[in-house]
Protein backbone atom coordinates (compact mmCIF):
# COMPACT_ATOMS: atom_id res chain seq x y z
CA MET A 1 23.40 58.02 88.79
CA ILE A 2 20.59 60.54 89.01
CA GLY A 3 22.66 63.35 89.14
CA GLU A 4 25.56 61.66 86.46
CA LEU A 5 22.28 61.38 84.27
CA SER A 6 20.94 64.70 85.10
CA GLY A 7 24.22 66.57 83.42
CA HIS A 8 22.51 65.14 80.19
CA TYR A 9 19.43 65.14 80.81
CA LYS A 10 16.63 66.92 82.07
CA VAL A 11 15.30 64.28 84.84
CA TYR A 12 12.14 63.97 86.56
CA TYR A 13 12.26 61.23 90.11
CA PHE A 14 9.83 60.83 92.76
CA ASP A 15 9.71 57.78 95.54
CA LEU A 16 6.89 55.43 95.24
CA LEU A 17 4.50 56.31 97.41
CA GLY A 18 5.21 54.93 100.30
CA TYR A 19 8.59 54.30 100.24
CA GLY A 20 11.82 56.65 100.41
CA ASP A 21 10.75 61.28 101.41
CA SER A 22 7.28 59.82 100.43
CA ASP A 23 4.61 60.19 102.55
CA LYS A 24 4.58 57.31 105.13
CA SER A 25 0.75 57.92 106.81
CA HIS A 26 -1.08 55.01 106.39
CA ALA A 27 -2.37 54.17 102.86
CA ASP A 28 -3.32 52.41 99.96
CA VAL A 29 0.74 51.21 98.98
CA SER A 30 0.52 48.97 96.33
CA LEU A 31 1.31 47.86 93.06
CA GLY A 32 -2.51 48.72 92.40
CA ILE A 33 -1.71 52.49 92.64
CA GLN A 34 1.77 53.31 91.65
CA ASN A 35 1.35 52.93 87.89
CA LYS A 36 -2.21 56.21 88.78
CA LEU A 37 0.60 58.31 90.41
CA LEU A 38 2.71 57.79 87.43
CA ASP A 39 0.73 59.18 85.16
CA ALA A 40 -1.02 61.22 87.50
CA LEU A 41 2.85 62.74 87.43
CA VAL A 42 3.64 62.40 83.93
CA ASP A 43 0.39 64.60 82.89
CA TYR A 44 0.76 67.42 86.10
CA TRP A 45 4.60 67.79 84.77
CA GLN A 46 3.06 67.89 80.74
CA ILE A 47 6.06 65.43 79.97
CA GLU A 48 5.00 63.94 76.40
CA SER A 49 7.11 60.14 74.87
CA PRO A 50 9.88 61.21 77.95
CA TYR A 51 12.98 58.00 78.37
CA ILE A 52 12.12 56.57 81.59
CA ILE A 53 14.06 53.83 84.08
CA GLY A 54 12.64 51.63 86.88
CA HIS A 55 14.61 49.60 89.30
CA ASP A 56 12.18 46.76 90.86
CA PHE A 57 8.17 48.02 91.62
CA GLY A 58 9.63 50.79 90.10
CA GLY A 59 10.10 48.83 86.93
CA THR A 60 6.83 47.25 88.14
CA THR A 61 5.49 50.18 88.08
CA VAL A 62 7.07 51.62 84.64
CA LEU A 63 5.16 48.39 82.89
CA ARG A 64 1.43 48.63 83.91
CA ASN A 65 2.22 52.09 83.90
CA HIS A 66 3.05 51.16 79.26
CA LEU A 67 0.66 48.87 79.31
CA LEU A 68 -2.45 49.23 81.95
CA ASP A 69 -2.76 52.91 81.02
CA LYS A 70 -1.26 52.70 77.58
CA ARG A 71 1.54 55.09 78.17
CA ASP A 72 3.71 55.56 75.68
CA TYR A 73 6.97 55.83 76.16
CA ARG A 74 9.83 57.07 73.75
CA LYS A 75 12.09 54.54 75.38
CA ILE A 76 12.19 51.69 78.53
CA VAL A 77 14.62 51.37 81.04
CA VAL A 78 13.82 48.52 84.03
CA ILE A 79 16.75 47.41 86.17
CA ASP A 80 15.58 43.82 88.50
CA PRO A 81 12.54 44.96 87.77
CA VAL A 82 9.51 42.68 89.20
CA ALA A 83 7.95 41.65 86.24
CA LEU A 84 7.41 37.96 85.96
CA SER A 85 4.48 36.14 87.96
CA PRO A 86 4.64 34.61 90.47
CA TRP A 87 7.38 36.26 92.52
CA GLY A 88 7.29 36.65 96.61
CA SER A 89 9.53 35.72 99.21
CA LEU A 90 8.64 33.73 102.40
CA PHE A 91 10.10 36.95 104.16
CA PHE A 92 6.61 38.68 102.37
CA LYS A 93 4.56 35.95 103.22
CA HIS A 94 4.96 35.88 106.58
CA ILE A 95 4.45 39.65 106.70
CA GLU A 96 1.59 39.09 104.72
CA LYS A 97 0.03 37.21 107.85
CA HIS A 98 1.46 38.98 110.47
CA GLU A 99 2.07 43.15 109.35
CA SER A 100 0.67 43.83 113.50
CA ALA A 101 2.53 42.20 114.74
CA PHE A 102 5.83 43.08 112.63
CA ALA A 103 4.89 46.80 113.37
CA GLY A 104 4.89 46.64 117.45
CA VAL A 105 8.69 45.12 117.03
CA PRO A 106 11.38 47.01 119.95
CA ASP A 107 13.10 49.86 117.19
CA TYR A 108 16.25 48.25 117.87
CA ILE A 109 15.01 44.92 116.78
CA HIS A 110 13.24 46.12 113.53
CA ALA A 111 16.84 48.03 112.59
CA ALA A 112 18.34 44.72 112.41
CA ILE A 113 15.66 43.08 110.73
CA VAL A 114 15.73 45.74 107.68
CA GLU A 115 19.60 45.99 107.87
CA ALA A 116 19.67 42.18 107.55
CA TYR A 117 17.11 41.47 104.58
CA VAL A 118 19.16 44.56 102.76
CA LYS A 119 22.26 42.96 102.90
CA THR A 120 20.49 40.29 100.84
CA ALA A 121 19.97 42.54 98.04
CA ALA A 122 23.72 43.13 97.49
CA SER A 123 26.20 40.99 96.35
CA GLN A 124 29.43 43.54 97.24
CA LYS A 125 30.02 44.21 100.66
CA LEU A 126 28.18 47.67 100.43
CA ASP A 127 29.60 50.86 103.74
CA GLN A 128 28.33 51.56 106.81
CA GLU A 129 26.90 55.06 104.75
CA THR A 130 24.77 52.90 101.66
CA ILE A 131 23.65 51.02 103.97
CA ARG A 132 22.24 53.85 106.24
CA GLY A 133 21.45 56.04 103.65
CA ILE A 134 18.73 52.87 102.79
CA LEU A 135 17.52 52.00 106.16
CA ALA A 136 16.81 56.04 106.98
CA PRO A 137 13.15 56.11 105.52
CA TRP A 138 12.52 52.90 107.44
CA THR A 139 13.30 54.46 111.23
CA GLY A 140 11.39 55.69 113.62
CA GLU A 141 7.01 55.40 113.91
CA GLN A 142 6.00 56.02 110.50
CA GLY A 143 8.82 54.11 108.84
CA LYS A 144 9.39 51.39 111.06
CA ALA A 145 5.01 50.55 109.95
CA ALA A 146 5.55 52.17 106.49
CA PHE A 147 8.12 48.97 105.91
CA TYR A 148 5.58 46.77 106.90
CA ARG A 149 3.37 47.46 105.45
CA GLN A 150 4.60 47.74 101.56
CA ILE A 151 5.51 44.66 101.93
CA ALA A 152 2.03 42.91 103.94
CA GLN A 153 0.75 44.77 100.64
CA ALA A 154 2.97 43.31 98.05
CA ASP A 155 0.63 41.29 95.77
CA SER A 156 1.89 38.59 92.43
CA LYS A 157 -1.71 39.92 91.12
CA PHE A 158 -0.57 43.20 90.22
CA THR A 159 1.91 41.73 88.13
CA ASP A 160 -1.17 39.01 86.99
CA ALA A 161 -2.56 41.57 85.25
CA PHE A 162 -0.45 42.34 82.49
CA GLN A 163 1.51 38.48 81.76
CA ASP A 164 -0.36 37.87 78.69
CA LYS A 165 0.28 41.62 77.16
CA PHE A 166 3.94 42.05 77.04
CA VAL A 167 3.14 41.64 73.22
CA GLU A 168 1.68 45.57 73.35
CA VAL A 169 4.82 47.18 74.40
CA ASN A 170 5.25 49.40 71.67
CA ALA A 171 8.77 51.43 72.61
CA PRO A 172 12.67 50.29 72.72
CA VAL A 173 13.41 47.93 76.22
CA LEU A 174 16.47 47.96 77.55
CA ILE A 175 16.37 45.08 80.98
CA LEU A 176 19.23 45.27 82.97
CA TRP A 177 20.05 43.00 85.51
CA GLY A 178 22.56 41.02 88.33
CA GLU A 179 24.06 38.57 87.72
CA GLU A 180 24.50 37.44 91.33
CA ASP A 181 20.58 39.36 91.62
CA GLN A 182 18.74 36.44 95.18
CA TRP A 183 16.08 38.59 95.16
CA ILE A 184 15.20 37.51 91.67
CA PRO A 185 16.80 35.56 89.96
CA CYS A 186 19.26 36.71 86.79
CA GLU A 187 17.45 33.89 84.40
CA GLN A 188 14.60 35.82 84.70
CA ALA A 189 16.09 38.45 82.49
CA TYR A 190 16.80 36.22 79.64
CA VAL A 191 12.72 34.94 79.84
CA LEU A 192 11.77 38.85 80.12
CA GLN A 193 13.52 39.59 77.43
CA SER A 194 11.81 36.21 75.43
CA LYS A 195 8.63 38.27 76.27
CA ILE A 196 9.44 41.78 74.54
CA GLU A 197 10.06 41.65 70.75
CA GLY A 198 13.51 43.47 70.63
CA ALA A 199 14.66 44.16 74.17
CA LYS A 200 18.08 44.59 74.74
CA LEU A 201 19.03 42.99 77.84
CA VAL A 202 22.54 43.75 79.78
CA THR A 203 23.58 41.74 82.88
CA VAL A 204 25.91 43.73 85.72
CA PRO A 205 28.82 40.81 87.06
CA ASN A 206 29.68 41.03 90.49
CA THR A 207 26.25 42.67 91.14
CA GLY A 208 23.08 41.94 93.10
CA HIS A 209 19.78 43.18 92.98
CA LEU A 210 21.38 46.22 94.37
CA VAL A 211 22.89 47.57 91.08
CA ILE A 212 22.02 50.60 91.12
CA GLU A 213 24.51 51.08 94.58
CA GLU A 214 26.64 48.35 93.49
CA ASN A 215 27.66 49.31 89.77
CA PRO A 216 26.28 52.93 89.04
CA ALA A 217 28.75 53.86 86.11
CA MET A 218 28.22 49.94 84.64
CA LEU A 219 24.30 51.83 84.53
CA VAL A 220 25.10 54.83 83.73
CA LYS A 221 27.18 54.31 80.91
CA GLU A 222 24.68 51.74 79.20
CA ILE A 223 21.88 53.97 80.11
CA ARG A 224 23.02 56.61 77.87
CA ASN A 225 24.52 54.25 75.03
CA PHE A 226 20.32 52.78 75.08
CA PHE A 227 19.03 56.35 74.61
CA GLU A 228 21.58 58.11 72.20
CA VAL A 229 21.22 55.25 69.15
């Protein structure tokens, strides 16, 4: 998706701290720090009122940065964001209580846990190359510990902080959502839309939470249409 968009826009992108290719040493990687990192990066890149796109916790980060840090954006796109409190699966809650035990499981058990977890995020069957790409950052001693750390530090208090502030959104918003999302049901998309005046909602059929992997072409089309209006 980044490659497609970069043919039309200058694209800046980054991994949330503790995710992807970012530093995975022991640190605060909660949602409480991610918006501060985003705010600092926008200043560092010296860009004013950019378009912004965020998926899942990335969407949370965008909303926290806009509503709590008062960062202005020209237009905002959120894709299956963690936006409405309360949230957090039983899996999340279990890891929060037993993080060190999970971080110490043998690598082959860890790989099976992460692969099974990732597959629940998709409606379509993911090819093995895509699965390997998603799993890669969470392998090895640092990656394994980082996987459980980011889940253990997830807390709905970070979305509670802006639940009464949606009326303060001052940029056009596009909400994109996989219709078969099992992590954050599509019903939440309509609730979020109702809280943000003028927000546009597009649901993507036959896709789950990993809509970015399942139908990137439709996302790019909708994002470009939204940006260019």
